[in-house]
Amino acid sequence: MSPTGVLEQLNALKVGEQIARMVVGALIDTQQIVGSGDVKADIHVRRVLGRLLMGRMLNPGEALEMTREMNPQTLAS
């Protein structure tokens, strides 16, 4: 199954967007699924990216968008 498929199934189970992204990342890291995924836009990612790029903390959507722009080949497939 693709990372997108796993993410959709986890979202359907309502595990939460951030937890679902972490699970997909762990499955990719352990080679249980093949592909690439998104960053988990936790508070640390949001704060550091925000300070570096915008001078303020980012919301989760902004953090995802910016990381996708920084490294577009890592989008979930």
N, C-alpha and C. Protein backbone atom coordinates (compact mmCIF):
# COMPACT_ATOMS: atom_id res chain seq x y z
N MET A 1 0.85 -1.18 0.00
CA MET A 1 0.00 0.00 0.00
C MET A 1 0.89 1.24 0.00
N SER A 2 0.42 2.29 -0.61
CA SER A 2 1.18 3.54 -0.69
C SER A 2 1.04 4.34 0.60
N PRO A 3 1.96 5.25 0.86
CA PRO A 3 1.83 6.12 2.03
C PRO A 3 0.50 6.88 2.03
N THR A 4 0.06 7.32 0.87
CA THR A 4 -1.20 8.05 0.79
C THR A 4 -2.36 7.15 1.20
N GLY A 5 -2.34 5.90 0.75
CA GLY A 5 -3.39 4.96 1.11
C GLY A 5 -3.43 4.69 2.61
N VAL A 6 -2.26 4.52 3.20
CA VAL A 6 -2.19 4.30 4.65
C VAL A 6 -2.70 5.53 5.38
N LEU A 7 -2.27 6.71 4.93
CA LEU A 7 -2.71 7.96 5.55
C LEU A 7 -4.22 8.10 5.48
N GLU A 8 -4.80 7.79 4.33
CA GLU A 8 -6.26 7.88 4.18
C GLU A 8 -6.97 6.92 5.12
N GLN A 9 -6.45 5.70 5.25
CA GLN A 9 -7.07 4.73 6.15
C GLN A 9 -6.97 5.17 7.60
N LEU A 10 -5.82 5.69 7.99
CA LEU A 10 -5.67 6.18 9.36
C LEU A 10 -6.59 7.37 9.62
N ASN A 11 -6.71 8.26 8.64
CA ASN A 11 -7.62 9.40 8.80
C ASN A 11 -9.07 8.93 8.90
N ALA A 12 -9.43 7.89 8.16
CA ALA A 12 -10.78 7.33 8.24
C ALA A 12 -11.06 6.76 9.63
N LEU A 13 -10.00 6.25 10.27
CA LEU A 13 -10.13 5.73 11.64
C LEU A 13 -10.11 6.84 12.68
N LYS A 14 -9.90 8.07 12.22
CA LYS A 14 -9.89 9.26 13.08
C LYS A 14 -8.82 9.20 14.17
N VAL A 15 -7.62 8.75 13.79
CA VAL A 15 -6.53 8.71 14.76
C VAL A 15 -5.90 10.08 14.97
N GLY A 16 -6.21 11.02 14.14
CA GLY A 16 -5.64 12.36 14.23
C GLY A 16 -4.59 12.55 13.15
N GLU A 17 -4.59 13.72 12.55
CA GLU A 17 -3.72 13.99 11.40
C GLU A 17 -2.24 13.84 11.75
N GLN A 18 -1.82 14.41 12.88
CA GLN A 18 -0.40 14.36 13.23
C GLN A 18 0.06 12.94 13.56
N ILE A 19 -0.77 12.21 14.31
CA ILE A 19 -0.43 10.82 14.63
C ILE A 19 -0.38 9.99 13.36
N ALA A 20 -1.33 10.20 12.45
CA ALA A 20 -1.35 9.46 11.19
C ALA A 20 -0.06 9.71 10.40
N ARG A 21 0.38 10.95 10.34
CA ARG A 21 1.63 11.27 9.62
C ARG A 21 2.84 10.62 10.30
N MET A 22 2.84 10.58 11.62
CA MET A 22 3.94 9.94 12.34
C MET A 22 3.96 8.44 12.05
N VAL A 23 2.79 7.82 12.02
CA VAL A 23 2.72 6.38 11.74
C VAL A 23 3.22 6.10 10.33
N VAL A 24 2.78 6.89 9.36
CA VAL A 24 3.24 6.70 7.98
C VAL A 24 4.76 6.87 7.91
N GLY A 25 5.28 7.87 8.57
CA GLY A 25 6.74 8.08 8.59
C GLY A 25 7.47 6.90 9.19
N ALA A 26 6.94 6.35 10.29
CA ALA A 26 7.57 5.18 10.91
C ALA A 26 7.50 3.97 10.00
N LEU A 27 6.38 3.78 9.31
CA LEU A 27 6.27 2.65 8.38
C LEU A 27 7.24 2.79 7.21
N ILE A 28 7.43 4.00 6.74
CA ILE A 28 8.41 4.24 5.67
C ILE A 28 9.82 3.97 6.19
N ASP A 29 10.12 4.51 7.38
CA ASP A 29 11.47 4.34 7.96
C ASP A 29 11.82 2.88 8.19
N THR A 30 10.83 2.06 8.54
CA THR A 30 11.07 0.64 8.81
C THR A 30 10.84 -0.23 7.58
N GLN A 31 10.64 0.42 6.44
CA GLN A 31 10.47 -0.24 5.15
C GLN A 31 9.26 -1.18 5.10
N GLN A 32 8.24 -0.87 5.91
CA GLN A 32 7.00 -1.62 5.87
C GLN A 32 6.15 -1.18 4.67
N ILE A 33 6.30 0.08 4.29
CA ILE A 33 5.70 0.62 3.07
C ILE A 33 6.77 1.39 2.32
N VAL A 34 6.58 1.55 1.03
CA VAL A 34 7.57 2.23 0.19
C VAL A 34 6.96 3.53 -0.32
N GLY A 35 7.73 4.58 -0.25
CA GLY A 35 7.28 5.87 -0.74
C GLY A 35 7.86 6.96 0.12
N SER A 36 7.23 8.11 0.06
CA SER A 36 7.68 9.23 0.87
C SER A 36 6.47 9.85 1.54
N GLY A 37 6.72 10.57 2.59
CA GLY A 37 5.63 11.16 3.36
C GLY A 37 5.89 12.61 3.69
N ASP A 38 4.97 13.19 4.43
CA ASP A 38 5.07 14.58 4.86
C ASP A 38 5.72 14.68 6.22
N VAL A 39 6.20 15.86 6.52
CA VAL A 39 6.72 16.15 7.85
C VAL A 39 5.55 16.21 8.83
N LYS A 40 5.80 15.84 10.08
CA LYS A 40 4.81 16.03 11.13
C LYS A 40 5.00 17.46 11.62
N ALA A 41 4.01 18.28 11.38
CA ALA A 41 4.13 19.71 11.71
C ALA A 41 3.82 19.94 13.19
N ASP A 42 4.69 19.39 14.06
CA ASP A 42 4.49 19.58 15.49
C ASP A 42 4.93 20.97 15.91
N ILE A 43 4.80 21.26 17.16
CA ILE A 43 5.09 22.61 17.65
C ILE A 43 6.54 23.01 17.41
N HIS A 44 7.46 22.05 17.49
CA HIS A 44 8.87 22.38 17.30
C HIS A 44 9.16 22.74 15.84
N VAL A 45 8.64 21.96 14.92
CA VAL A 45 8.80 22.26 13.49
C VAL A 45 8.16 23.60 13.17
N ARG A 46 6.97 23.82 13.68
CA ARG A 46 6.25 25.07 13.42
C ARG A 46 7.01 26.27 13.97
N ARG A 47 7.57 26.12 15.16
CA ARG A 47 8.28 27.24 15.79
C ARG A 47 9.59 27.54 15.06
N VAL A 48 10.40 26.51 14.78
CA VAL A 48 11.70 26.74 14.15
C VAL A 48 11.54 27.26 12.72
N LEU A 49 10.69 26.60 11.92
CA LEU A 49 10.48 27.10 10.56
C LEU A 49 9.91 28.51 10.57
N GLY A 50 8.98 28.73 11.47
CA GLY A 50 8.38 30.06 11.56
C GLY A 50 9.39 31.13 11.90
N ARG A 51 10.25 30.85 12.87
CA ARG A 51 11.28 31.83 13.25
C ARG A 51 12.24 32.09 12.10
N LEU A 52 12.64 31.02 11.42
CA LEU A 52 13.60 31.17 10.33
C LEU A 52 13.01 31.88 9.12
N LEU A 53 11.78 31.54 8.78
CA LEU A 53 11.22 32.00 7.51
C LEU A 53 10.23 33.15 7.60
N MET A 54 9.52 33.25 8.73
CA MET A 54 8.45 34.24 8.79
C MET A 54 8.53 35.19 10.00
N GLY A 55 9.39 34.86 10.97
CA GLY A 55 9.47 35.68 12.16
C GLY A 55 8.35 35.44 13.15
N ARG A 56 7.61 34.34 12.99
CA ARG A 56 6.51 34.00 13.90
C ARG A 56 6.25 32.50 13.79
N MET A 57 5.53 31.96 14.76
CA MET A 57 5.20 30.53 14.71
C MET A 57 4.18 30.30 13.59
N LEU A 58 4.37 29.22 12.86
CA LEU A 58 3.47 28.86 11.77
C LEU A 58 2.33 28.00 12.30
N ASN A 59 1.22 28.00 11.58
CA ASN A 59 0.17 27.03 11.89
C ASN A 59 0.53 25.73 11.16
N PRO A 60 -0.09 24.61 11.50
CA PRO A 60 0.29 23.33 10.88
C PRO A 60 0.21 23.32 9.35
N GLY A 61 -0.80 23.94 8.79
CA GLY A 61 -0.94 23.99 7.33
C GLY A 61 0.19 24.75 6.67
N GLU A 62 0.57 25.87 7.27
CA GLU A 62 1.68 26.65 6.74
C GLU A 62 2.98 25.85 6.79
N ALA A 63 3.21 25.15 7.89
CA ALA A 63 4.44 24.36 8.03
C ALA A 63 4.50 23.26 6.97
N LEU A 64 3.39 22.57 6.75
CA LEU A 64 3.36 21.53 5.71
C LEU A 64 3.62 22.11 4.34
N GLU A 65 2.97 23.21 4.04
CA GLU A 65 3.15 23.85 2.73
C GLU A 65 4.60 24.27 2.51
N MET A 66 5.20 24.86 3.52
CA MET A 66 6.58 25.32 3.37
C MET A 66 7.55 24.15 3.22
N THR A 67 7.37 23.07 3.98
CA THR A 67 8.27 21.94 3.84
C THR A 67 8.09 21.25 2.50
N ARG A 68 6.87 21.24 1.99
CA ARG A 68 6.63 20.67 0.65
C ARG A 68 7.32 21.51 -0.42
N GLU A 69 7.31 22.82 -0.25
CA GLU A 69 8.00 23.69 -1.21
C GLU A 69 9.51 23.52 -1.12
N MET A 70 10.03 23.29 0.10
CA MET A 70 11.47 23.13 0.28
C MET A 70 11.99 21.84 -0.33
N ASN A 71 11.17 20.81 -0.31
CA ASN A 71 11.61 19.50 -0.78
C ASN A 71 10.44 18.78 -1.46
N PRO A 72 10.05 19.22 -2.65
CA PRO A 72 8.83 18.69 -3.29
C PRO A 72 8.88 17.21 -3.61
N GLN A 73 10.06 16.60 -3.77
CA GLN A 73 10.11 15.18 -4.09
C GLN A 73 9.73 14.30 -2.91
N THR A 74 9.55 14.86 -1.70
CA THR A 74 9.17 14.05 -0.55
C THR A 74 7.66 14.02 -0.31
N LEU A 75 6.89 14.55 -1.23
CA LEU A 75 5.43 14.49 -1.09
C LEU A 75 4.96 13.06 -1.01
N ALA A 76 3.93 12.82 -0.23
CA ALA A 76 3.36 11.47 -0.14
C ALA A 76 2.94 11.00 -1.52
N SER A 77 3.28 9.76 -1.85
CA SER A 77 2.94 9.23 -3.18
C SER A 77 1.75 8.31 -3.10
